[in-house]
């Protein structure tokens, strides 16, 4: 095994863990928004959720790149 392959495998693991943590955050999201007492808090939460979804999409894209790099 080369050093690059090992580093690539470690990076793939780290990205996968990050994607899993974001998934768990979104899974619990509906209960959190229902508890918000004010419209301002709901809007702030929706903005945070939208930005988090973008972050999760970027992590998923990076995960695909890592898999391609691992296979090549």
N, C-alpha and C. Protein backbone atom coordinates (compact mmCIF):
# COMPACT_ATOMS: atom_id res chain seq x y z
N UNK A 1 0.83 -1.18 0.00
CA UNK A 1 0.00 0.00 0.00
C UNK A 1 0.88 1.25 0.00
N UNK A 2 0.45 2.20 -0.78
CA UNK A 2 1.19 3.45 -0.81
C UNK A 2 0.64 4.41 0.24
N UNK A 3 1.43 5.40 0.53
CA UNK A 3 1.01 6.41 1.51
C UNK A 3 -0.22 7.14 1.02
N UNK A 4 -0.26 7.43 -0.27
CA UNK A 4 -1.41 8.14 -0.84
C UNK A 4 -2.69 7.32 -0.67
N UNK A 5 -2.61 6.01 -0.85
CA UNK A 5 -3.80 5.18 -0.71
C UNK A 5 -4.29 5.19 0.73
N UNK A 6 -3.37 5.11 1.67
CA UNK A 6 -3.75 5.11 3.09
C UNK A 6 -4.39 6.44 3.47
N UNK A 7 -3.79 7.54 3.04
CA UNK A 7 -4.37 8.86 3.32
C UNK A 7 -5.73 9.02 2.67
N UNK A 8 -5.89 8.49 1.48
CA UNK A 8 -7.17 8.55 0.80
C UNK A 8 -8.23 7.74 1.56
N UNK A 9 -7.87 6.59 2.05
CA UNK A 9 -8.81 5.76 2.82
C UNK A 9 -9.20 6.45 4.13
N UNK A 10 -8.25 7.09 4.80
CA UNK A 10 -8.55 7.82 6.03
C UNK A 10 -9.47 9.00 5.74
N UNK A 11 -9.20 9.72 4.65
CA UNK A 11 -10.06 10.84 4.26
C UNK A 11 -11.46 10.37 3.94
N UNK A 12 -11.58 9.25 3.29
CA UNK A 12 -12.89 8.69 2.96
C UNK A 12 -13.67 8.35 4.23
N UNK A 13 -12.99 7.78 5.20
CA UNK A 13 -13.65 7.47 6.47
C UNK A 13 -14.13 8.74 7.17
N UNK A 14 -13.29 9.77 7.21
CA UNK A 14 -13.66 11.02 7.88
C UNK A 14 -14.85 11.68 7.20
N UNK A 15 -14.88 11.67 5.89
CA UNK A 15 -15.99 12.27 5.16
C UNK A 15 -17.28 11.48 5.39
N UNK A 16 -17.16 10.18 5.44
CA UNK A 16 -18.33 9.35 5.67
C UNK A 16 -18.91 9.61 7.06
N UNK A 17 -18.07 9.75 8.05
CA UNK A 17 -18.54 10.06 9.41
C UNK A 17 -19.23 11.42 9.43
N UNK A 18 -18.66 12.40 8.74
CA UNK A 18 -19.29 13.72 8.68
C UNK A 18 -20.65 13.68 8.01
N UNK A 19 -20.77 12.93 6.93
CA UNK A 19 -22.06 12.80 6.25
C UNK A 19 -23.08 12.12 7.15
N UNK A 20 -22.65 11.13 7.90
CA UNK A 20 -23.56 10.45 8.83
C UNK A 20 -24.03 11.39 9.93
N UNK A 21 -23.15 12.20 10.47
CA UNK A 21 -23.55 13.15 11.51
C UNK A 21 -24.55 14.17 10.98
N UNK A 22 -24.34 14.66 9.77
CA UNK A 22 -25.30 15.59 9.18
C UNK A 22 -26.64 14.91 8.92
N UNK A 23 -26.59 13.66 8.48
CA UNK A 23 -27.83 12.93 8.27
C UNK A 23 -28.63 12.81 9.56
N UNK A 24 -27.94 12.50 10.65
CA UNK A 24 -28.63 12.38 11.94
C UNK A 24 -29.20 13.73 12.38
N UNK A 25 -28.53 14.80 12.07
CA UNK A 25 -29.05 16.13 12.40
C UNK A 25 -30.35 16.39 11.64
N UNK A 26 -30.38 16.10 10.34
CA UNK A 26 -31.58 16.34 9.54
C UNK A 26 -32.71 15.39 9.94
N UNK A 27 -32.38 14.22 10.40
CA UNK A 27 -33.40 13.27 10.81
C UNK A 27 -34.20 13.79 12.00
N UNK A 28 -33.55 14.53 12.90
CA UNK A 28 -34.22 15.07 14.07
C UNK A 28 -34.76 16.47 13.85
N UNK A 29 -34.62 17.03 12.68
CA UNK A 29 -34.97 18.42 12.40
C UNK A 29 -36.46 18.74 12.59
N UNK A 30 -37.42 17.95 12.13
CA UNK A 30 -38.82 18.36 12.26
C UNK A 30 -39.26 18.60 13.69
N UNK A 31 -38.77 17.86 14.64
CA UNK A 31 -39.16 18.06 16.03
C UNK A 31 -38.63 19.38 16.57
N UNK A 32 -37.47 19.79 16.11
CA UNK A 32 -36.89 21.03 16.60
C UNK A 32 -37.66 22.26 16.11
N UNK A 33 -38.10 22.26 14.87
CA UNK A 33 -38.80 23.42 14.33
C UNK A 33 -40.17 23.57 14.97
N UNK A 34 -40.80 22.50 15.34
CA UNK A 34 -42.12 22.58 15.96
C UNK A 34 -42.04 23.21 17.36
N UNK A 35 -40.89 23.13 17.99
CA UNK A 35 -40.72 23.68 19.33
C UNK A 35 -40.38 25.17 19.33
N UNK A 36 -40.13 25.77 18.17
CA UNK A 36 -39.76 27.18 18.11
C UNK A 36 -40.98 28.05 18.38
N UNK A 37 -40.92 28.91 19.39
CA UNK A 37 -42.10 29.68 19.77
C UNK A 37 -42.34 30.91 18.89
N UNK A 38 -41.31 31.44 18.24
CA UNK A 38 -41.49 32.69 17.50
C UNK A 38 -41.21 32.49 16.01
N UNK A 39 -41.82 33.32 15.17
CA UNK A 39 -41.54 33.23 13.72
C UNK A 39 -40.08 33.54 13.39
N UNK A 40 -39.45 34.43 14.16
CA UNK A 40 -38.04 34.75 13.92
C UNK A 40 -37.16 33.53 14.12
N UNK A 41 -37.46 32.79 15.17
CA UNK A 41 -36.69 31.57 15.45
C UNK A 41 -36.91 30.53 14.36
N UNK A 42 -38.12 30.44 13.85
CA UNK A 42 -38.40 29.49 12.78
C UNK A 42 -37.66 29.87 11.52
N UNK A 43 -37.64 31.18 11.18
CA UNK A 43 -36.91 31.63 9.98
C UNK A 43 -35.41 31.37 10.13
N UNK A 44 -34.87 31.65 11.31
CA UNK A 44 -33.45 31.41 11.54
C UNK A 44 -33.13 29.92 11.42
N UNK A 45 -34.02 29.10 11.94
CA UNK A 45 -33.80 27.65 11.85
C UNK A 45 -33.86 27.18 10.39
N UNK A 46 -34.81 27.70 9.63
CA UNK A 46 -34.91 27.30 8.22
C UNK A 46 -33.66 27.72 7.45
N UNK A 47 -33.12 28.91 7.75
CA UNK A 47 -31.89 29.35 7.09
C UNK A 47 -30.74 28.41 7.45
N UNK A 48 -30.63 28.09 8.72
CA UNK A 48 -29.59 27.17 9.17
C UNK A 48 -29.75 25.80 8.52
N UNK A 49 -30.96 25.33 8.43
CA UNK A 49 -31.22 24.02 7.82
C UNK A 49 -30.85 24.01 6.35
N UNK A 50 -31.19 25.10 5.63
CA UNK A 50 -30.87 25.20 4.21
C UNK A 50 -29.35 25.20 4.00
N UNK A 51 -28.62 25.96 4.81
CA UNK A 51 -27.17 25.99 4.70
C UNK A 51 -26.56 24.63 5.06
N UNK A 52 -27.15 23.96 6.02
CA UNK A 52 -26.67 22.63 6.38
C UNK A 52 -26.91 21.62 5.26
N UNK A 53 -28.02 21.78 4.57
CA UNK A 53 -28.29 20.88 3.44
C UNK A 53 -27.26 21.10 2.32
N UNK A 54 -26.88 22.35 2.09
CA UNK A 54 -25.83 22.63 1.10
C UNK A 54 -24.52 21.98 1.53
N UNK A 55 -24.19 22.10 2.82
CA UNK A 55 -22.97 21.48 3.33
C UNK A 55 -23.01 19.96 3.16
N UNK A 56 -24.16 19.37 3.43
CA UNK A 56 -24.27 17.92 3.28
C UNK A 56 -24.11 17.51 1.81
N UNK A 57 -24.65 18.31 0.92
CA UNK A 57 -24.48 18.03 -0.51
C UNK A 57 -23.02 18.10 -0.93
N UNK A 58 -22.30 19.09 -0.42
CA UNK A 58 -20.87 19.19 -0.73
C UNK A 58 -20.09 18.01 -0.16
N UNK A 59 -20.44 17.60 1.04
CA UNK A 59 -19.77 16.44 1.62
C UNK A 59 -20.07 15.18 0.81
N UNK A 60 -21.30 15.03 0.37
CA UNK A 60 -21.64 13.86 -0.44
C UNK A 60 -20.87 13.88 -1.76
N UNK A 61 -20.74 15.05 -2.36
CA UNK A 61 -19.97 15.15 -3.60
C UNK A 61 -18.50 14.80 -3.35
N UNK A 62 -17.96 15.28 -2.25
CA UNK A 62 -16.58 14.94 -1.90
C UNK A 62 -16.42 13.45 -1.64
N UNK A 63 -17.43 12.82 -1.07
CA UNK A 63 -17.41 11.39 -0.84
C UNK A 63 -17.33 10.62 -2.15
N UNK A 64 -18.07 11.05 -3.15
CA UNK A 64 -18.01 10.42 -4.47
C UNK A 64 -16.62 10.58 -5.07
N UNK A 65 -16.05 11.78 -4.95
CA UNK A 65 -14.70 12.01 -5.47
C UNK A 65 -13.69 11.11 -4.77
N UNK A 66 -13.86 10.94 -3.46
CA UNK A 66 -12.96 10.08 -2.72
C UNK A 66 -13.06 8.62 -3.19
N UNK A 67 -14.27 8.17 -3.42
CA UNK A 67 -14.45 6.79 -3.92
C UNK A 67 -13.79 6.62 -5.27
N UNK A 68 -13.97 7.58 -6.16
CA UNK A 68 -13.33 7.51 -7.48
C UNK A 68 -11.82 7.48 -7.33
N UNK A 69 -11.29 8.35 -6.45
CA UNK A 69 -9.85 8.36 -6.21
C UNK A 69 -9.34 7.06 -5.61
N UNK A 70 -10.13 6.45 -4.78
CA UNK A 70 -9.74 5.19 -4.17
C UNK A 70 -9.71 4.05 -5.20
N UNK A 71 -10.65 4.10 -6.14
CA UNK A 71 -10.71 3.05 -7.16
C UNK A 71 -9.64 3.20 -8.23
N UNK A 72 -9.25 4.41 -8.51
CA UNK A 72 -8.24 4.65 -9.57
C UNK A 72 -6.88 4.46 -9.02
